[in-house]
Amino acid sequence: MPAPPPGLPDIGYATTAPPSNTLSMWAMVCGISSILLSLFCSVIGVAPAVVGLVMGIMGNNRTRRDPIRYTGRGMAIAGICTSIAGLLLFGAQIALIAFFMASMPSTISGAMAAGTATVNLQQVGTAIQVYQFENNGALPPDFDTLVDAGHLPDTAVFDDPSDMGTAPGFTYVPLPVPVDELKDPAQWIIAFGNPSDYDGWCGPVMRADGSVENVEEPRFTREMSAFIQLYEDTFCEPPTFIEP
């Protein structure tokens, strides 16, 4: 560099920093915003994710073409990554919503069928109590006996209460002794509908004391196993299940 003229200070050459890459900066801002917005409202988070992804790609290309003039490649890459993360989060939420929407109709149908089955089984329980009163506390040998004795108008109460065709009806478990001779009638199951026949939601269970309730899995399996063990310990033989 030539020496300055006499009497003038040596100020040298002015230097300036490369201009910042605004595309990279806004890409990172949009990417982070898309993640935060997707956590609260997935639809709103889509727009900044798309904008951030486009800006990030453009900003990264600009820094690659002219790294001396433009800076901010790290922000561009961060904007691309966060924007993709926002889009993936949006996709995951849509998939979950679709899954729950697809499973909701069957769940509602199963719950309605189980509720209707409970009402039907309560009618059967009332008929069984009338039969017991007329037969010294003995249980009927099967459900058809209740219809033959006139305690139920027909067998429609035993039919599938759902419109899906998955619930076959009630299984009856006759007991060889009157209910009065049982130590704890509430532990003895005399009729039930399997929860698996009602889309796994729950199934109606009637006990020897006349109570009826919907029992969900895995409680149903536990109580059924306990009842079978109680029956075998009491009568030294397995119970008889009369399928519908």
C-alpha atoms as a PDB file:
ATOM      1  CA  MET A   1       0.000   0.000   0.000  1.00  0.00           C
ATOM      2  CA  PRO A   2       1.577   3.346  -0.962  1.00  0.00           C
ATOM      3  CA  ALA A   3       2.374   5.781   1.810  1.00  0.00           C
ATOM      4  CA  PRO A   4      -0.183   8.538   2.367  1.00  0.00           C
ATOM      5  CA  PRO A   5       0.744  12.087   1.357  1.00  0.00           C
ATOM      6  CA  PRO A   6       2.601  14.083   3.983  1.00  0.00           C
ATOM      7  CA  GLY A   7       0.351  15.450   6.712  1.00  0.00           C
ATOM      8  CA  LEU A   8      -2.442  12.847   6.250  1.00  0.00           C
ATOM      9  CA  PRO A   9      -3.063   9.994   8.734  1.00  0.00           C
ATOM     10  CA  ASP A  10      -2.700   6.368   7.653  1.00  0.00           C
ATOM     11  CA  ILE A  11      -6.290   5.204   7.810  1.00  0.00           C
ATOM     12  CA  GLY A  12      -5.876   2.070   5.636  1.00  0.00           C
ATOM     13  CA  TYR A  13      -8.703   0.416   3.682  1.00  0.00           C
ATOM     14  CA  ALA A  14     -12.203   0.114   5.102  1.00  0.00           C
ATOM     15  CA  THR A  15     -13.462  -3.466   5.579  1.00  0.00           C
ATOM     16  CA  THR A  16     -17.090  -4.575   5.853  1.00  0.00           C
ATOM     17  CA  ALA A  17     -18.550  -7.856   7.138  1.00  0.00           C
ATOM     18  CA  PRO A  18     -20.480 -10.063   4.683  1.00  0.00           C
ATOM     19  CA  PRO A  19     -24.196  -9.229   4.673  1.00  0.00           C
ATOM     20  CA  SER A  20     -26.329 -11.520   6.799  1.00  0.00           C
ATOM     21  CA  ASN A  21     -28.563 -14.018   5.012  1.00  0.00           C
ATOM     22  CA  THR A  22     -32.092 -12.970   5.994  1.00  0.00           C
ATOM     23  CA  LEU A  23     -33.564 -16.011   4.287  1.00  0.00           C
ATOM     24  CA  SER A  24     -31.645 -18.319   6.617  1.00  0.00           C
ATOM     25  CA  MET A  25     -32.674 -16.335   9.672  1.00  0.00           C
ATOM     26  CA  TRP A  26     -36.372 -16.343   8.776  1.00  0.00           C
ATOM     27  CA  ALA A  27     -36.217 -20.021   7.845  1.00  0.00           C
ATOM     28  CA  MET A  28     -35.063 -20.859  11.353  1.00  0.00           C
ATOM     29  CA  VAL A  29     -37.719 -18.609  12.888  1.00  0.00           C
ATOM     30  CA  CYS A  30     -40.470 -20.201  10.780  1.00  0.00           C
ATOM     31  CA  GLY A  31     -39.216 -23.721  11.539  1.00  0.00           C
ATOM     32  CA  ILE A  32     -39.222 -23.179  15.291  1.00  0.00           C
ATOM     33  CA  SER A  33     -42.619 -21.488  15.088  1.00  0.00           C
ATOM     34  CA  SER A  34     -44.061 -24.433  13.148  1.00  0.00           C
ATOM     35  CA  ILE A  35     -43.079 -26.860  15.914  1.00  0.00           C
ATOM     36  CA  LEU A  36     -44.554 -24.683  18.654  1.00  0.00           C
ATOM     37  CA  LEU A  37     -47.760 -24.027  16.728  1.00  0.00           C
ATOM     38  CA  SER A  38     -48.164 -27.701  15.778  1.00  0.00           C
ATOM     39  CA  LEU A  39     -48.188 -28.652  19.452  1.00  0.00           C
ATOM     40  CA  PHE A  40     -51.296 -26.529  20.028  1.00  0.00           C
ATOM     41  CA  CYS A  41     -52.970 -26.397  16.615  1.00  0.00           C
ATOM     42  CA  SER A  42     -51.561 -28.660  13.936  1.00  0.00           C
ATOM     43  CA  VAL A  43     -53.268 -26.852  11.041  1.00  0.00           C
ATOM     44  CA  ILE A  44     -51.741 -23.479  11.898  1.00  0.00           C
ATOM     45  CA  GLY A  45     -48.262 -25.011  12.108  1.00  0.00           C
ATOM     46  CA  VAL A  46     -48.300 -26.188   8.482  1.00  0.00           C
ATOM     47  CA  ALA A  47     -47.913 -22.744   6.873  1.00  0.00           C
ATOM     48  CA  PRO A  48     -44.748 -21.655   8.724  1.00  0.00           C
ATOM     49  CA  ALA A  49     -43.276 -25.126   8.214  1.00  0.00           C
ATOM     50  CA  VAL A  50     -43.683 -24.914   4.446  1.00  0.00           C
ATOM     51  CA  VAL A  51     -42.396 -21.334   4.346  1.00  0.00           C
ATOM     52  CA  GLY A  52     -39.466 -22.197   6.588  1.00  0.00           C
ATOM     53  CA  LEU A  53     -38.537 -25.192   4.455  1.00  0.00           C
ATOM     54  CA  VAL A  54     -38.548 -23.150   1.241  1.00  0.00           C
ATOM     55  CA  MET A  55     -36.604 -20.284   2.822  1.00  0.00           C
ATOM     56  CA  GLY A  56     -34.123 -22.691   4.367  1.00  0.00           C
ATOM     57  CA  ILE A  57     -33.393 -24.345   1.022  1.00  0.00           C
ATOM     58  CA  MET A  58     -33.026 -20.983  -0.717  1.00  0.00           C
ATOM     59  CA  GLY A  59     -30.825 -19.599   2.053  1.00  0.00           C
ATOM     60  CA  ASN A  60     -28.618 -22.675   2.074  1.00  0.00           C
ATOM     61  CA  ASN A  61     -28.193 -22.493  -1.707  1.00  0.00           C
ATOM     62  CA  ARG A  62     -27.287 -18.808  -1.452  1.00  0.00           C
ATOM     63  CA  THR A  63     -24.547 -19.459   1.118  1.00  0.00           C
ATOM     64  CA  ARG A  64     -23.171 -22.349  -0.914  1.00  0.00           C
ATOM     65  CA  ARG A  65     -22.959 -20.284  -4.082  1.00  0.00           C
ATOM     66  CA  ASP A  66     -21.336 -17.251  -2.449  1.00  0.00           C
ATOM     67  CA  PRO A  67     -20.071 -18.077   1.079  1.00  0.00           C
ATOM     68  CA  ILE A  68     -17.937 -14.947   1.170  1.00  0.00           C
ATOM     69  CA  ARG A  69     -20.822 -12.616   0.470  1.00  0.00           C
ATOM     70  CA  TYR A  70     -23.540 -14.426   2.440  1.00  0.00           C
ATOM     71  CA  THR A  71     -23.406 -16.039   5.864  1.00  0.00           C
ATOM     72  CA  GLY A  72     -25.943 -18.002   7.913  1.00  0.00           C
ATOM     73  CA  ARG A  73     -25.661 -21.497   6.505  1.00  0.00           C
ATOM     74  CA  GLY A  74     -26.124 -22.957  10.004  1.00  0.00           C
ATOM     75  CA  MET A  75     -29.374 -21.042  10.445  1.00  0.00           C
ATOM     76  CA  ALA A  76     -30.545 -22.264   7.035  1.00  0.00           C
ATOM     77  CA  ILE A  77     -29.887 -25.895   7.947  1.00  0.00           C
ATOM     78  CA  ALA A  78     -31.580 -25.380  11.305  1.00  0.00           C
ATOM     79  CA  GLY A  79     -34.581 -23.876   9.519  1.00  0.00           C
ATOM     80  CA  ILE A  80     -34.797 -26.866   7.179  1.00  0.00           C
ATOM     81  CA  CYS A  81     -34.577 -29.372  10.040  1.00  0.00           C
ATOM     82  CA  THR A  82     -37.101 -27.618  12.271  1.00  0.00           C
ATOM     83  CA  SER A  83     -39.517 -27.136   9.364  1.00  0.00           C
ATOM     84  CA  ILE A  84     -39.352 -30.836   8.504  1.00  0.00           C
ATOM     85  CA  ALA A  85     -39.899 -31.640  12.178  1.00  0.00           C
ATOM     86  CA  GLY A  86     -42.984 -29.412  12.180  1.00  0.00           C
ATOM     87  CA  LEU A  87     -44.376 -31.168   9.119  1.00  0.00           C
ATOM     88  CA  LEU A  88     -43.700 -34.599  10.647  1.00  0.00           C
ATOM     89  CA  LEU A  89     -45.438 -33.529  13.837  1.00  0.00           C
ATOM     90  CA  PHE A  90     -48.422 -32.379  11.807  1.00  0.00           C
ATOM     91  CA  GLY A  91     -48.495 -35.713   9.952  1.00  0.00           C
ATOM     92  CA  ALA A  92     -48.339 -37.674  13.203  1.00  0.00           C
ATOM     93  CA  GLN A  93     -51.263 -35.718  14.632  1.00  0.00           C
ATOM     94  CA  ILE A  94     -53.324 -36.288  11.494  1.00  0.00           C
ATOM     95  CA  ALA A  95     -52.558 -40.022  11.651  1.00  0.00           C
ATOM     96  CA  LEU A  96     -53.678 -40.185  15.301  1.00  0.00           C
ATOM     97  CA  ILE A  97     -56.869 -38.300  14.541  1.00  0.00           C
ATOM     98  CA  ALA A  98     -57.614 -40.626  11.618  1.00  0.00           C
ATOM     99  CA  PHE A  99     -56.982 -43.680  13.812  1.00  0.00           C
ATOM    100  CA  PHE A 100     -59.335 -42.495  16.548  1.00  0.00           C
ATOM    101  CA  MET A 101     -61.979 -41.485  14.033  1.00  0.00           C
ATOM    102  CA  ALA A 102     -61.790 -44.926  12.419  1.00  0.00           C
ATOM    103  CA  SER A 103     -62.041 -46.774  15.735  1.00  0.00           C
ATOM    104  CA  MET A 104     -64.715 -44.551  17.246  1.00  0.00           C
ATOM    105  CA  PRO A 105     -67.731 -45.984  15.375  1.00  0.00           C
ATOM    106  CA  SER A 106     -66.956 -49.572  16.415  1.00  0.00           C
ATOM    107  CA  THR A 107     -66.288 -48.490  20.001  1.00  0.00           C
ATOM    108  CA  ILE A 108     -69.589 -46.635  20.183  1.00  0.00           C
ATOM    109  CA  SER A 109     -71.430 -49.554  18.583  1.00  0.00           C
ATOM    110  CA  GLY A 110     -69.819 -51.991  21.005  1.00  0.00           C
ATOM    111  CA  ALA A 111     -70.744 -49.840  23.997  1.00  0.00           C
ATOM    112  CA  MET A 112     -74.340 -49.484  22.793  1.00  0.00           C
ATOM    113  CA  ALA A 113     -74.605 -53.220  22.149  1.00  0.00           C
ATOM    114  CA  ALA A 114     -73.223 -53.994  25.603  1.00  0.00           C
ATOM    115  CA  GLY A 115     -75.700 -51.577  27.183  1.00  0.00           C
ATOM    116  CA  THR A 116     -78.623 -53.165  25.354  1.00  0.00           C
ATOM    117  CA  ALA A 117     -77.364 -56.622  26.299  1.00  0.00           C
ATOM    118  CA  THR A 118     -77.283 -55.599  29.960  1.00  0.00           C
ATOM    119  CA  VAL A 119     -80.938 -54.568  29.822  1.00  0.00           C
ATOM    120  CA  ASN A 120     -81.837 -57.864  28.135  1.00  0.00           C
ATOM    121  CA  LEU A 121     -79.898 -59.847  30.711  1.00  0.00           C
ATOM    122  CA  GLN A 122     -81.706 -58.011  33.510  1.00  0.00           C
ATOM    123  CA  GLN A 123     -84.998 -59.209  32.017  1.00  0.00           C
ATOM    124  CA  VAL A 124     -83.622 -62.744  31.999  1.00  0.00           C
ATOM    125  CA  GLY A 125     -82.581 -62.305  35.634  1.00  0.00           C
ATOM    126  CA  THR A 126     -86.096 -61.292  36.602  1.00  0.00           C
ATOM    127  CA  ALA A 127     -87.481 -64.362  34.848  1.00  0.00           C
ATOM    128  CA  ILE A 128     -84.947 -66.573  36.664  1.00  0.00           C
ATOM    129  CA  GLN A 129     -86.014 -65.157  40.033  1.00  0.00           C
ATOM    130  CA  VAL A 130     -89.646 -65.952  39.254  1.00  0.00           C
ATOM    131  CA  TYR A 131     -88.631 -69.473  38.229  1.00  0.00           C
ATOM    132  CA  GLN A 132     -86.688 -69.894  41.485  1.00  0.00           C
ATOM    133  CA  PHE A 133     -89.690 -68.785  43.522  1.00  0.00           C
ATOM    134  CA  GLU A 134     -91.808 -71.437  41.836  1.00  0.00           C
ATOM    135  CA  ASN A 135     -89.181 -74.202  42.107  1.00  0.00           C
ATOM    136  CA  ASN A 136     -87.823 -73.931  45.656  1.00  0.00           C
ATOM    137  CA  GLY A 137     -84.850 -71.786  44.697  1.00  0.00           C
ATOM    138  CA  ALA A 138     -83.586 -74.049  41.903  1.00  0.00           C
ATOM    139  CA  LEU A 139     -82.152 -72.486  38.755  1.00  0.00           C
ATOM    140  CA  PRO A 140     -83.611 -73.385  35.347  1.00  0.00           C
ATOM    141  CA  PRO A 141     -81.631 -75.972  33.374  1.00  0.00           C
ATOM    142  CA  ASP A 142     -81.450 -73.621  30.377  1.00  0.00           C
ATOM    143  CA  PHE A 143     -82.892 -70.402  28.989  1.00  0.00           C
ATOM    144  CA  ASP A 144     -85.526 -72.151  26.873  1.00  0.00           C
ATOM    145  CA  THR A 145     -87.155 -73.387  30.078  1.00  0.00           C
ATOM    146  CA  LEU A 146     -87.960 -69.782  30.989  1.00  0.00           C
ATOM    147  CA  VAL A 147     -89.795 -69.322  27.700  1.00  0.00           C
ATOM    148  CA  ASP A 148     -91.615 -72.660  28.013  1.00  0.00           C
ATOM    149  CA  ALA A 149     -92.711 -71.725  31.539  1.00  0.00           C
ATOM    150  CA  GLY A 150     -94.098 -68.410  30.293  1.00  0.00           C
ATOM    151  CA  HIS A 151     -91.662 -66.214  32.229  1.00  0.00           C
ATOM    152  CA  LEU A 152     -90.331 -64.722  28.988  1.00  0.00           C
ATOM    153  CA  PRO A 153     -92.512 -63.991  25.940  1.00  0.00           C
ATOM    154  CA  ASP A 154     -90.016 -65.344  23.401  1.00  0.00           C
ATOM    155  CA  THR A 155     -86.326 -65.926  22.760  1.00  0.00           C
ATOM    156  CA  ALA A 156     -85.741 -62.468  21.235  1.00  0.00           C
ATOM    157  CA  VAL A 157     -84.198 -61.326  24.496  1.00  0.00           C
ATOM    158  CA  PHE A 158     -81.364 -63.799  23.905  1.00  0.00           C
ATOM    159  CA  ASP A 159     -80.623 -62.571  20.380  1.00  0.00           C
ATOM    160  CA  ASP A 160     -77.717 -60.400  19.292  1.00  0.00           C
ATOM    161  CA  PRO A 161     -78.582 -56.874  20.520  1.00  0.00           C
ATOM    162  CA  SER A 162     -76.164 -55.172  18.139  1.00  0.00           C
ATOM    163  CA  ASP A 163     -76.487 -54.402  14.453  1.00  0.00           C
ATOM    164  CA  MET A 164     -72.930 -55.600  13.782  1.00  0.00           C
ATOM    165  CA  GLY A 165     -73.596 -59.315  14.023  1.00  0.00           C
ATOM    166  CA  THR A 166     -70.655 -59.866  16.363  1.00  0.00           C
ATOM    167  CA  ALA A 167     -72.362 -60.544  19.689  1.00  0.00           C
ATOM    168  CA  PRO A 168     -73.802 -64.091  19.620  1.00  0.00           C
ATOM    169  CA  GLY A 169     -75.849 -63.776  22.815  1.00  0.00           C
ATOM    170  CA  PHE A 170     -75.555 -64.996  26.397  1.00  0.00           C
ATOM    171  CA  THR A 171     -73.817 -68.061  27.786  1.00  0.00           C
ATOM    172  CA  TYR A 172     -75.712 -69.793  30.594  1.00  0.00           C
ATOM    173  CA  VAL A 173     -74.025 -71.613  33.499  1.00  0.00           C
ATOM    174  CA  PRO A 174     -76.512 -73.831  35.398  1.00  0.00           C
ATOM    175  CA  LEU A 175     -75.784 -74.629  39.024  1.00  0.00           C
ATOM    176  CA  PRO A 176     -76.566 -78.048  40.510  1.00  0.00           C
ATOM    177  CA  VAL A 177     -77.877 -76.627  43.798  1.00  0.00           C
ATOM    178  CA  PRO A 178     -80.381 -73.902  44.707  1.00  0.00           C
ATOM    179  CA  VAL A 179     -78.996 -70.414  45.150  1.00  0.00           C
ATOM    180  CA  ASP A 180     -79.949 -70.473  48.856  1.00  0.00           C
ATOM    181  CA  GLU A 181     -77.328 -73.178  49.448  1.00  0.00           C
ATOM    182  CA  LEU A 182     -74.478 -71.087  48.060  1.00  0.00           C
ATOM    183  CA  LYS A 183     -72.222 -69.436  50.618  1.00  0.00           C
ATOM    184  CA  ASP A 184     -71.778 -66.209  48.645  1.00  0.00           C
ATOM    185  CA  PRO A 185     -74.120 -65.970  45.613  1.00  0.00           C
ATOM    186  CA  ALA A 186     -72.349 -62.807  44.401  1.00  0.00           C
ATOM    187  CA  GLN A 187     -69.275 -64.895  43.506  1.00  0.00           C
ATOM    188  CA  TRP A 188     -71.223 -67.282  41.275  1.00  0.00           C
ATOM    189  CA  ILE A 189     -71.695 -66.352  37.614  1.00  0.00           C
ATOM    190  CA  ILE A 190     -74.769 -67.867  35.985  1.00  0.00           C
ATOM    191  CA  ALA A 191     -74.902 -65.960  32.671  1.00  0.00           C
ATOM    192  CA  PHE A 192     -72.619 -63.667  30.718  1.00  0.00           C
ATOM    193  CA  GLY A 193     -71.777 -62.106  27.382  1.00  0.00           C
ATOM    194  CA  ASN A 194     -68.096 -62.195  26.493  1.00  0.00           C
ATOM    195  CA  PRO A 195     -66.525 -58.688  26.160  1.00  0.00           C
ATOM    196  CA  SER A 196     -64.673 -59.845  23.040  1.00  0.00           C
ATOM    197  CA  ASP A 197     -68.065 -60.194  21.357  1.00  0.00           C
ATOM    198  CA  TYR A 198     -68.730 -56.506  21.999  1.00  0.00           C
ATOM    199  CA  ASP A 199     -65.578 -55.081  20.379  1.00  0.00           C
ATOM    200  CA  GLY A 200     -63.642 -55.675  23.601  1.00  0.00           C
ATOM    201  CA  TRP A 201     -65.432 -52.843  25.382  1.00  0.00           C
ATOM    202  CA  CYS A 202     -67.282 -54.784  28.067  1.00  0.00           C
ATOM    203  CA  GLY A 203     -69.770 -57.588  28.458  1.00  0.00           C
ATOM    204  CA  PRO A 204     -72.788 -58.137  30.728  1.00  0.00           C
ATOM    205  CA  VAL A 205     -72.417 -60.559  33.635  1.00  0.00           C
ATOM    206  CA  MET A 206     -75.253 -61.886  35.804  1.00  0.00           C
ATOM    207  CA  ARG A 207     -74.516 -63.418  39.195  1.00  0.00           C
ATOM    208  CA  ALA A 208     -76.495 -65.812  41.320  1.00  0.00           C
ATOM    209  CA  ASP A 209     -77.662 -62.996  43.582  1.00  0.00           C
ATOM    210  CA  GLY A 210     -79.482 -61.435  40.618  1.00  0.00           C
ATOM    211  CA  SER A 211     -77.075 -58.544  40.035  1.00  0.00           C
ATOM    212  CA  VAL A 212     -76.119 -57.614  36.458  1.00  0.00           C
ATOM    213  CA  GLU A 213     -73.231 -55.381  35.426  1.00  0.00           C
ATOM    214  CA  ASN A 214     -70.929 -54.679  32.496  1.00  0.00           C
ATOM    215  CA  VAL A 215     -67.458 -56.064  33.141  1.00  0.00           C
ATOM    216  CA  GLU A 216     -64.427 -54.970  31.141  1.00  0.00           C
ATOM    217  CA  GLU A 217     -61.275 -56.860  30.325  1.00  0.00           C
ATOM    218  CA  PRO A 218     -59.020 -57.933  31.998  1.00  0.00           C
ATOM    219  CA  ARG A 219     -61.348 -57.961  35.001  1.00  0.00           C
ATOM    220  CA  PHE A 220     -63.714 -60.285  33.142  1.00  0.00           C
ATOM    221  CA  THR A 221     -60.993 -62.918  32.661  1.00  0.00           C
ATOM    222  CA  ARG A 222     -59.899 -62.702  36.302  1.00  0.00           C
ATOM    223  CA  GLU A 223     -63.418 -63.087  37.668  1.00  0.00           C
ATOM    224  CA  MET A 224     -64.254 -65.902  35.261  1.00  0.00           C
ATOM    225  CA  SER A 225     -61.110 -67.802  36.287  1.00  0.00           C
ATOM    226  CA  ALA A 226     -61.971 -67.316  39.961  1.00  0.00           C
ATOM    227  CA  PHE A 227     -65.515 -68.571  39.361  1.00  0.00           C
ATOM    228  CA  ILE A 228     -64.339 -71.685  37.517  1.00  0.00           C
ATOM    229  CA  GLN A 229     -61.924 -72.486  40.348  1.00  0.00           C
ATOM    230  CA  LEU A 230     -64.678 -71.955  42.930  1.00  0.00           C
ATOM    231  CA  TYR A 231     -67.045 -74.242  40.993  1.00  0.00           C
ATOM    232  CA  GLU A 232     -64.458 -77.013  40.715  1.00  0.00           C
ATOM    233  CA  ASP A 233     -63.517 -76.751  44.387  1.00  0.00           C
ATOM    234  CA  THR A 234     -67.190 -76.917  45.414  1.00  0.00           C
ATOM    235  CA  PHE A 235     -68.586 -79.596  43.093  1.00  0.00           C
ATOM    236  CA  CYS A 236     -65.369 -81.423  42.079  1.00  0.00           C
ATOM    237  CA  GLU A 237     -66.134 -80.980  38.398  1.00  0.00           C
ATOM    238  CA  PRO A 238     -65.867 -78.151  35.846  1.00  0.00           C
ATOM    239  CA  PRO A 239     -68.898 -75.962  35.172  1.00  0.00           C
ATOM    240  CA  THR A 240     -71.142 -76.521  32.170  1.00  0.00           C
ATOM    241  CA  PHE A 241     -71.336 -73.626  29.729  1.00  0.00           C
ATOM    242  CA  ILE A 242     -74.478 -73.634  27.583  1.00  0.00           C
ATOM    243  CA  GLU A 243     -73.565 -71.567  24.552  1.00  0.00           C
ATOM    244  CA  PRO A 244     -76.221 -69.404  22.872  1.00  0.00           C
END
